[in-house]
C-alpha atoms as a PDB file:
ATOM      1  CA  MET A   1     -64.564  74.660 133.578  1.00  0.00           C
ATOM      2  CA  TYR A   2     -64.901  76.094 137.086  1.00  0.00           C
ATOM      3  CA  GLY A   3     -67.133  79.108 137.551  1.00  0.00           C
ATOM      4  CA  VAL A   4     -67.872  79.588 133.836  1.00  0.00           C
ATOM      5  CA  THR A   5     -71.478  80.345 132.910  1.00  0.00           C
ATOM      6  CA  PRO A   6     -72.993  79.950 129.431  1.00  0.00           C
ATOM      7  CA  GLN A   7     -73.287  83.745 129.215  1.00  0.00           C
ATOM      8  CA  ALA A   8     -69.482  84.042 129.261  1.00  0.00           C
ATOM      9  CA  TYR A   9     -69.232  82.552 125.792  1.00  0.00           C
ATOM     10  CA  ASP A  10     -71.336  85.195 124.045  1.00  0.00           C
ATOM     11  CA  ARG A  11     -69.207  88.151 125.138  1.00  0.00           C
ATOM     12  CA  THR A  12     -66.528  87.671 122.524  1.00  0.00           C
ATOM     13  CA  ILE A  13     -66.471  86.379 118.973  1.00  0.00           C
ATOM     14  CA  THR A  14     -63.312  84.326 119.424  1.00  0.00           C
ATOM     15  CA  ILE A  15     -64.433  81.821 122.074  1.00  0.00           C
ATOM     16  CA  PHE A  16     -66.274  78.607 121.255  1.00  0.00           C
ATOM     17  CA  SER A  17     -68.799  77.314 123.771  1.00  0.00           C
ATOM     18  CA  PRO A  18     -68.221  73.748 125.052  1.00  0.00           C
ATOM     19  CA  ASP A  19     -70.740  72.438 122.497  1.00  0.00           C
ATOM     20  CA  GLY A  20     -68.893  74.095 119.589  1.00  0.00           C
ATOM     21  CA  ARG A  21     -71.019  77.201 119.049  1.00  0.00           C
ATOM     22  CA  LEU A  22     -70.058  80.797 118.303  1.00  0.00           C
ATOM     23  CA  PHE A  23     -72.903  82.725 119.864  1.00  0.00           C
ATOM     24  CA  GLN A  24     -72.136  86.032 118.134  1.00  0.00           C
ATOM     25  CA  VAL A  25     -72.445  84.361 114.737  1.00  0.00           C
ATOM     26  CA  GLU A  26     -75.774  82.847 115.774  1.00  0.00           C
ATOM     27  CA  TYR A  27     -76.969  86.271 116.948  1.00  0.00           C
ATOM     28  CA  ALA A  28     -76.003  87.681 113.547  1.00  0.00           C
ATOM     29  CA  LYS A  29     -78.173  85.020 111.896  1.00  0.00           C
ATOM     30  CA  GLU A  30     -81.058  86.139 114.120  1.00  0.00           C
ATOM     31  CA  ALA A  31     -80.627  89.673 112.738  1.00  0.00           C
ATOM     32  CA  VAL A  32     -81.082  88.218 109.252  1.00  0.00           C
ATOM     33  CA  LYS A  33     -84.334  86.520 110.310  1.00  0.00           C
ATOM     34  CA  ARG A  34     -85.711  89.915 111.364  1.00  0.00           C
ATOM     35  CA  GLY A  35     -85.182  91.360 107.894  1.00  0.00           C
ATOM     36  CA  ALA A  36     -87.720  91.516 105.073  1.00  0.00           C
ATOM     37  CA  THR A  37     -87.770  88.480 102.804  1.00  0.00           C
ATOM     38  CA  ALA A  38     -85.750  88.442  99.579  1.00  0.00           C
ATOM     39  CA  ILE A  39     -85.766  85.693  96.956  1.00  0.00           C
ATOM     40  CA  GLY A  40     -83.400  84.571  94.227  1.00  0.00           C
ATOM     41  CA  VAL A  41     -84.322  82.190  91.393  1.00  0.00           C
ATOM     42  CA  SER A  42     -82.325  80.840  88.474  1.00  0.00           C
ATOM     43  CA  CYS A  43     -83.398  78.775  85.498  1.00  0.00           C
ATOM     44  CA  ASN A  44     -82.024  77.881  82.110  1.00  0.00           C
ATOM     45  CA  GLU A  45     -83.345  81.149  80.694  1.00  0.00           C
ATOM     46  CA  GLY A  46     -81.775  83.453  83.280  1.00  0.00           C
ATOM     47  CA  VAL A  47     -81.719  84.588  86.908  1.00  0.00           C
ATOM     48  CA  ALA A  48     -83.769  87.035  88.994  1.00  0.00           C
ATOM     49  CA  LEU A  49     -83.788  88.672  92.430  1.00  0.00           C
ATOM     50  CA  ILE A  50     -87.044  89.670  94.100  1.00  0.00           C
ATOM     51  CA  ALA A  51     -86.893  91.820  97.246  1.00  0.00           C
ATOM     52  CA  TYR A  52     -89.489  93.443  99.490  1.00  0.00           C
ATOM     53  CA  LYS A  53     -88.715  96.691 101.290  1.00  0.00           C
ATOM     54  CA  SER A  54     -90.573  96.958 104.599  1.00  0.00           C
ATOM     55  CA  ALA A  55     -91.354 100.658 104.784  1.00  0.00           C
ATOM     56  CA  HIS A  56     -92.781 101.007 108.299  1.00  0.00           C
ATOM     57  CA  SER A  57     -94.137 104.528 107.767  1.00  0.00           C
ATOM     58  CA  ASN A  58     -96.063 106.360 105.050  1.00  0.00           C
ATOM     59  CA  LEU A  59     -93.582 109.211 105.482  1.00  0.00           C
ATOM     60  CA  ILE A  60     -90.705 107.147 104.074  1.00  0.00           C
ATOM     61  CA  VAL A  61     -89.677 107.666 100.466  1.00  0.00           C
ATOM     62  CA  SER A  62     -89.639 104.048  99.260  1.00  0.00           C
ATOM     63  CA  GLU A  63     -87.072 104.814  96.535  1.00  0.00           C
ATOM     64  CA  SER A  64     -84.549 105.651  99.268  1.00  0.00           C
ATOM     65  CA  LEU A  65     -84.702 102.072 100.576  1.00  0.00           C
ATOM     66  CA  LYS A  66     -82.495  99.967  98.317  1.00  0.00           C
ATOM     67  CA  LYS A  67     -82.689  96.194  98.597  1.00  0.00           C
ATOM     68  CA  THR A  68     -81.046  95.160  95.326  1.00  0.00           C
ATOM     69  CA  PHE A  69     -77.566  96.249  94.291  1.00  0.00           C
ATOM     70  CA  GLU A  70     -75.701  96.066  90.994  1.00  0.00           C
ATOM     71  CA  ILE A  71     -72.160  94.709  91.386  1.00  0.00           C
ATOM     72  CA  ASP A  72     -71.364  94.557  87.662  1.00  0.00           C
ATOM     73  CA  ASP A  73     -73.462  94.495  84.492  1.00  0.00           C
ATOM     74  CA  HIS A  74     -73.899  90.734  84.849  1.00  0.00           C
ATOM     75  CA  ILE A  75     -73.937  90.394  88.671  1.00  0.00           C
ATOM     76  CA  SER A  76     -76.462  91.721  91.200  1.00  0.00           C
ATOM     77  CA  ALA A  77     -77.235  91.059  94.845  1.00  0.00           C
ATOM     78  CA  THR A  78     -79.994  91.459  97.389  1.00  0.00           C
ATOM     79  CA  ALA A  79     -79.895  91.198 101.165  1.00  0.00           C
ATOM     80  CA  SER A  80     -81.809  90.679 104.373  1.00  0.00           C
ATOM     81  CA  GLY A  81     -80.731  91.841 107.812  1.00  0.00           C
ATOM     82  CA  LEU A  82     -78.671  94.953 108.499  1.00  0.00           C
ATOM     83  CA  ILE A  83     -78.708  96.695 105.117  1.00  0.00           C
ATOM     84  CA  ALA A  84     -75.916  99.047 106.222  1.00  0.00           C
ATOM     85  CA  ASP A  85     -73.707  95.960 106.560  1.00  0.00           C
ATOM     86  CA  ALA A  86     -74.860  94.827 103.124  1.00  0.00           C
ATOM     87  CA  ARG A  87     -73.809  98.118 101.527  1.00  0.00           C
ATOM     88  CA  LYS A  88     -70.271  97.687 102.842  1.00  0.00           C
ATOM     89  CA  LEU A  89     -70.054  94.154 101.451  1.00  0.00           C
ATOM     90  CA  ILE A  90     -71.470  95.338  98.114  1.00  0.00           C
ATOM     91  CA  GLU A  91     -68.776  98.017  97.946  1.00  0.00           C
ATOM     92  CA  ILE A  92     -66.125  95.324  98.473  1.00  0.00           C
ATOM     93  CA  ALA A  93     -67.739  93.130  95.814  1.00  0.00           C
ATOM     94  CA  ARG A  94     -67.803  96.001  93.317  1.00  0.00           C
ATOM     95  CA  ASN A  95     -64.135  96.752  93.914  1.00  0.00           C
ATOM     96  CA  ASN A  96     -63.279  93.063  93.443  1.00  0.00           C
ATOM     97  CA  ALA A  97     -65.260  92.942  90.197  1.00  0.00           C
ATOM     98  CA  GLN A  98     -63.508  96.009  88.772  1.00  0.00           C
ATOM     99  CA  ARG A  99     -60.094  94.814  89.930  1.00  0.00           C
ATOM    100  CA  HIS A 100     -60.657  91.452  88.212  1.00  0.00           C
ATOM    101  CA  LYS A 101     -61.763  93.162  84.987  1.00  0.00           C
ATOM    102  CA  MET A 102     -58.703  95.445  84.927  1.00  0.00           C
ATOM    103  CA  THR A 103     -56.274  92.629  85.782  1.00  0.00           C
ATOM    104  CA  TYR A 104     -57.572  89.893  83.479  1.00  0.00           C
ATOM    105  CA  ASN A 105     -59.477  91.918  80.856  1.00  0.00           C
ATOM    106  CA  GLU A 106     -62.588  89.810  81.379  1.00  0.00           C
ATOM    107  CA  PRO A 107     -65.628  90.010  83.679  1.00  0.00           C
ATOM    108  CA  ALA A 108     -65.447  88.238  87.031  1.00  0.00           C
ATOM    109  CA  SER A 109     -67.652  85.188  87.527  1.00  0.00           C
ATOM    110  CA  PRO A 110     -70.508  85.401  90.067  1.00  0.00           C
ATOM    111  CA  GLU A 111     -68.894  82.534  91.991  1.00  0.00           C
ATOM    112  CA  SER A 112     -65.574  84.343  92.425  1.00  0.00           C
ATOM    113  CA  ILE A 113     -67.347  87.509  93.599  1.00  0.00           C
ATOM    114  CA  ALA A 114     -69.482  85.523  96.063  1.00  0.00           C
ATOM    115  CA  ARG A 115     -66.414  83.702  97.351  1.00  0.00           C
ATOM    116  CA  GLY A 116     -64.565  86.984  97.913  1.00  0.00           C
ATOM    117  CA  VAL A 117     -67.492  88.383  99.906  1.00  0.00           C
ATOM    118  CA  CYS A 118     -67.720  85.193 101.991  1.00  0.00           C
ATOM    119  CA  ASP A 119     -63.979  85.341 102.734  1.00  0.00           C
ATOM    120  CA  ILE A 120     -64.476  88.820 104.233  1.00  0.00           C
ATOM    121  CA  MET A 121     -67.520  87.698 106.226  1.00  0.00           C
ATOM    122  CA  GLN A 122     -65.618  84.710 107.587  1.00  0.00           C
ATOM    123  CA  LEU A 123     -62.697  86.949 108.580  1.00  0.00           C
ATOM    124  CA  TYR A 124     -65.051  88.944 110.784  1.00  0.00           C
ATOM    125  CA  THR A 125     -65.798  85.842 112.868  1.00  0.00           C
ATOM    126  CA  GLN A 126     -62.185  85.306 113.942  1.00  0.00           C
ATOM    127  CA  TYR A 127     -60.939  88.421 115.738  1.00  0.00           C
ATOM    128  CA  GLY A 128     -61.787  90.232 118.955  1.00  0.00           C
ATOM    129  CA  GLY A 129     -62.964  93.833 118.787  1.00  0.00           C
ATOM    130  CA  ILE A 130     -65.097  93.268 115.683  1.00  0.00           C
ATOM    131  CA  ARG A 131     -68.487  91.678 115.086  1.00  0.00           C
ATOM    132  CA  PRO A 132     -69.896  89.471 112.327  1.00  0.00           C
ATOM    133  CA  PHE A 133     -71.861  91.077 109.528  1.00  0.00           C
ATOM    134  CA  GLY A 134     -75.544  90.881 110.478  1.00  0.00           C
ATOM    135  CA  VAL A 135     -76.728  90.219 106.961  1.00  0.00           C
ATOM    136  CA  SER A 136     -77.169  87.442 104.408  1.00  0.00           C
ATOM    137  CA  LEU A 137     -76.686  88.149 100.713  1.00  0.00           C
ATOM    138  CA  LEU A 138     -78.098  86.491  97.627  1.00  0.00           C
ATOM    139  CA  ILE A 139     -75.589  87.019  94.819  1.00  0.00           C
ATOM    140  CA  ALA A 140     -76.861  86.248  91.320  1.00  0.00           C
ATOM    141  CA  GLY A 141     -75.365  86.544  87.884  1.00  0.00           C
ATOM    142  CA  ILE A 142     -74.623  85.031  84.517  1.00  0.00           C
ATOM    143  CA  GLY A 143     -71.379  83.057  84.635  1.00  0.00           C
ATOM    144  CA  PRO A 144     -69.361  81.222  81.971  1.00  0.00           C
ATOM    145  CA  ASN A 145     -71.682  78.207  82.274  1.00  0.00           C
ATOM    146  CA  GLY A 146     -74.955  80.085  82.604  1.00  0.00           C
ATOM    147  CA  PRO A 147     -77.047  81.505  85.475  1.00  0.00           C
ATOM    148  CA  GLU A 148     -75.640  81.241  89.001  1.00  0.00           C
ATOM    149  CA  LEU A 149     -77.091  81.988  92.439  1.00  0.00           C
ATOM    150  CA  PHE A 150     -75.243  81.949  95.775  1.00  0.00           C
ATOM    151  CA  GLU A 151     -76.137  82.675  99.394  1.00  0.00           C
ATOM    152  CA  ALA A 152     -73.526  84.293 101.642  1.00  0.00           C
ATOM    153  CA  GLU A 153     -74.250  83.759 105.362  1.00  0.00           C
ATOM    154  CA  PRO A 154     -72.913  85.728 108.380  1.00  0.00           C
ATOM    155  CA  SER A 155     -70.572  82.809 109.159  1.00  0.00           C
ATOM    156  CA  GLY A 156     -68.926  83.226 105.753  1.00  0.00           C
ATOM    157  CA  ALA A 157     -70.460  80.018 104.384  1.00  0.00           C
ATOM    158  CA  MET A 158     -71.218  80.111 100.664  1.00  0.00           C
ATOM    159  CA  THR A 159     -73.860  77.848  99.120  1.00  0.00           C
ATOM    160  CA  GLY A 160     -75.041  77.608  95.531  1.00  0.00           C
ATOM    161  CA  TYR A 161     -78.788  77.369  94.878  1.00  0.00           C
ATOM    162  CA  TYR A 162     -81.252  77.049  92.026  1.00  0.00           C
ATOM    163  CA  ALA A 163     -83.760  79.007  94.132  1.00  0.00           C
ATOM    164  CA  ASP A 164     -83.354  80.413  97.635  1.00  0.00           C
ATOM    165  CA  SER A 165     -84.628  83.030 100.069  1.00  0.00           C
ATOM    166  CA  VAL A 166     -83.333  84.984 103.038  1.00  0.00           C
ATOM    167  CA  GLY A 167     -85.244  86.862 105.726  1.00  0.00           C
ATOM    168  CA  ASN A 168     -88.079  86.356 108.155  1.00  0.00           C
ATOM    169  CA  ALA A 169     -90.099  83.831 106.132  1.00  0.00           C
ATOM    170  CA  LYS A 170     -87.201  81.795 104.767  1.00  0.00           C
ATOM    171  CA  LYS A 171     -88.470  78.350 105.771  1.00  0.00           C
ATOM    172  CA  GLU A 172     -91.990  78.877 104.440  1.00  0.00           C
ATOM    173  CA  VAL A 173     -90.796  80.463 101.185  1.00  0.00           C
ATOM    174  CA  ASP A 174     -88.178  77.745 100.599  1.00  0.00           C
ATOM    175  CA  ASP A 175     -90.803  75.045 101.141  1.00  0.00           C
ATOM    176  CA  TYR A 176     -93.118  76.809  98.687  1.00  0.00           C
ATOM    177  CA  LEU A 177     -90.376  77.118  96.067  1.00  0.00           C
ATOM    178  CA  GLU A 178     -89.530  73.427  96.409  1.00  0.00           C
ATOM    179  CA  THR A 179     -93.047  72.505  95.334  1.00  0.00           C
ATOM    180  CA  LYS A 180     -93.372  75.058  92.519  1.00  0.00           C
ATOM    181  CA  TYR A 181     -89.879  75.557  91.076  1.00  0.00           C
ATOM    182  CA  SER A 182     -88.434  73.873  88.002  1.00  0.00           C
ATOM    183  CA  SER A 183     -85.117  74.698  86.338  1.00  0.00           C
ATOM    184  CA  ASP A 184     -86.626  74.520  82.862  1.00  0.00           C
ATOM    185  CA  MET A 185     -89.479  76.974  83.514  1.00  0.00           C
ATOM    186  CA  PRO A 186     -89.435  80.397  81.787  1.00  0.00           C
ATOM    187  CA  LEU A 187     -87.784  83.171  83.792  1.00  0.00           C
ATOM    188  CA  GLU A 188     -91.010  85.161  83.811  1.00  0.00           C
ATOM    189  CA  GLU A 189     -92.822  82.236  85.442  1.00  0.00           C
ATOM    190  CA  ALA A 190     -90.045  81.864  88.047  1.00  0.00           C
ATOM    191  CA  ILE A 191     -90.495  85.544  88.923  1.00  0.00           C
ATOM    192  CA  ARG A 192     -94.263  85.109  89.246  1.00  0.00           C
ATOM    193  CA  ILE A 193     -93.822  82.135  91.579  1.00  0.00           C
ATOM    194  CA  SER A 194     -91.407  84.139  93.745  1.00  0.00           C
ATOM    195  CA  VAL A 195     -93.825  87.065  93.963  1.00  0.00           C
ATOM    196  CA  SER A 196     -96.618  84.634  94.885  1.00  0.00           C
ATOM    197  CA  ALA A 197     -94.456  83.310  97.719  1.00  0.00           C
ATOM    198  CA  LEU A 198     -93.916  86.836  99.032  1.00  0.00           C
ATOM    199  CA  LYS A 199     -97.653  87.565  98.879  1.00  0.00           C
ATOM    200  CA  LYS A 200     -98.501  84.283 100.602  1.00  0.00           C
ATOM    201  CA  PHE A 201     -96.102  84.542 103.541  1.00  0.00           C
ATOM    202  CA  SER A 202     -95.590  88.268 104.063  1.00  0.00           C
ATOM    203  CA  GLU A 203     -96.824  89.648 107.384  1.00  0.00           C
ATOM    204  CA  THR A 204     -97.761  92.945 105.714  1.00  0.00           C
ATOM    205  CA  LYS A 205     -99.553  93.830 102.484  1.00  0.00           C
ATOM    206  CA  ILE A 206     -97.265  93.697  99.451  1.00  0.00           C
ATOM    207  CA  LEU A 207     -97.232  97.027  97.599  1.00  0.00           C
ATOM    208  CA  PRO A 208     -95.669  97.485  94.146  1.00  0.00           C
ATOM    209  CA  SER A 209     -93.838 100.603  95.337  1.00  0.00           C
ATOM    210  CA  ASN A 210     -92.080  98.534  98.012  1.00  0.00           C
ATOM    211  CA  MET A 211     -90.835  95.810  95.687  1.00  0.00           C
ATOM    212  CA  GLU A 212     -87.670  95.528  93.635  1.00  0.00           C
ATOM    213  CA  ILE A 213     -87.275  92.934  90.895  1.00  0.00           C
ATOM    214  CA  THR A 214     -84.094  92.701  88.860  1.00  0.00           C
ATOM    215  CA  TYR A 215     -83.362  90.025  86.274  1.00  0.00           C
ATOM    216  CA  ALA A 216     -80.875  88.976  83.592  1.00  0.00           C
ATOM    217  CA  TYR A 217     -81.323  86.643  80.642  1.00  0.00           C
ATOM    218  CA  THR A 218     -78.604  84.149  79.777  1.00  0.00           C
ATOM    219  CA  LYS A 219     -78.335  85.537  76.244  1.00  0.00           C
ATOM    220  CA  ASP A 220     -77.652  89.234  76.935  1.00  0.00           C
ATOM    221  CA  LYS A 221     -76.211  88.794  80.469  1.00  0.00           C
ATOM    222  CA  LYS A 222     -77.182  92.308  81.648  1.00  0.00           C
ATOM    223  CA  PHE A 223     -79.418  92.987  84.636  1.00  0.00           C
ATOM    224  CA  LYS A 224     -82.547  95.082  84.180  1.00  0.00           C
ATOM    225  CA  TYR A 225     -85.256  96.261  86.584  1.00  0.00           C
ATOM    226  CA  LEU A 226     -88.971  95.678  86.300  1.00  0.00           C
ATOM    227  CA  GLY A 227     -90.929  98.913  86.396  1.00  0.00           C
ATOM    228  CA  GLU A 228     -93.742  99.532  88.864  1.00  0.00           C
ATOM    229  CA  LYS A 229     -96.414  99.058  86.159  1.00  0.00           C
ATOM    230  CA  GLU A 230     -94.990  95.621  85.330  1.00  0.00           C
ATOM    231  CA  ILE A 231     -94.883  94.689  89.022  1.00  0.00           C
ATOM    232  CA  ILE A 232     -98.539  95.726  89.394  1.00  0.00           C
ATOM    233  CA  LYS A 233     -99.487  93.288  86.622  1.00  0.00           C
ATOM    234  CA  ILE A 234     -97.662  90.445  88.382  1.00  0.00           C
ATOM    235  CA  LEU A 235     -99.367  91.262  91.696  1.00  0.00           C
ATOM    236  CA  LYS A 236    -102.856  91.163  90.222  1.00  0.00           C
ATOM    237  CA  PRO A 237    -105.065  88.398  91.698  1.00  0.00           C
ATOM    238  CA  GLY A 238    -104.927  85.211  89.694  1.00  0.00           C
ATOM    239  CA  LYS A 239    -101.487  85.978  88.300  1.00  0.00           C
END
């Protein structure tokens, strides 16, 4: 094309570059890489989400920084990237979960909730005047067939995982999980491995007050949070 520079293709979300790229979506993925690392793990016994909140000042009240969000009793999510964007998507997911429960008189599956969120994210890659969501979500829950874990990317792509991470150390953490993870390990051990990965690859010191760990067992299907005292025990050297 005459007189068209590569920079022209990153000014709007609706134009593909000649090599088939949507630059605004790629920029949104870069925003995710700048976020603090979050991890999701599932095993036969249950599913867990482990998130680190990067409080950059001692003046910040760490409790005010939420990184894990309850969507329903049996579904939770964590995020990396623009957390304000995540809160909007969580609100949509919660509404979808309640609407499903009222319509069908049964809880929504984690897969259907993840798919609904991804449909919204994909929609925001198609129209001018809007931008993609600069966040990736890990959506975990107990479905009809057991524990489920999904990643929702800024492009709207949805992928199911046994264990996954999002954020600034994704590659290193994923490689670590590949060597340590097993689907038949106890949920407590899966959580310990995830915390070890955060400790190993975090650029800052991991503090119990800046961590959130939520988990659900396959039997009772309800998410619970680990308290700070329990997190301290997991963070102890040699654990």
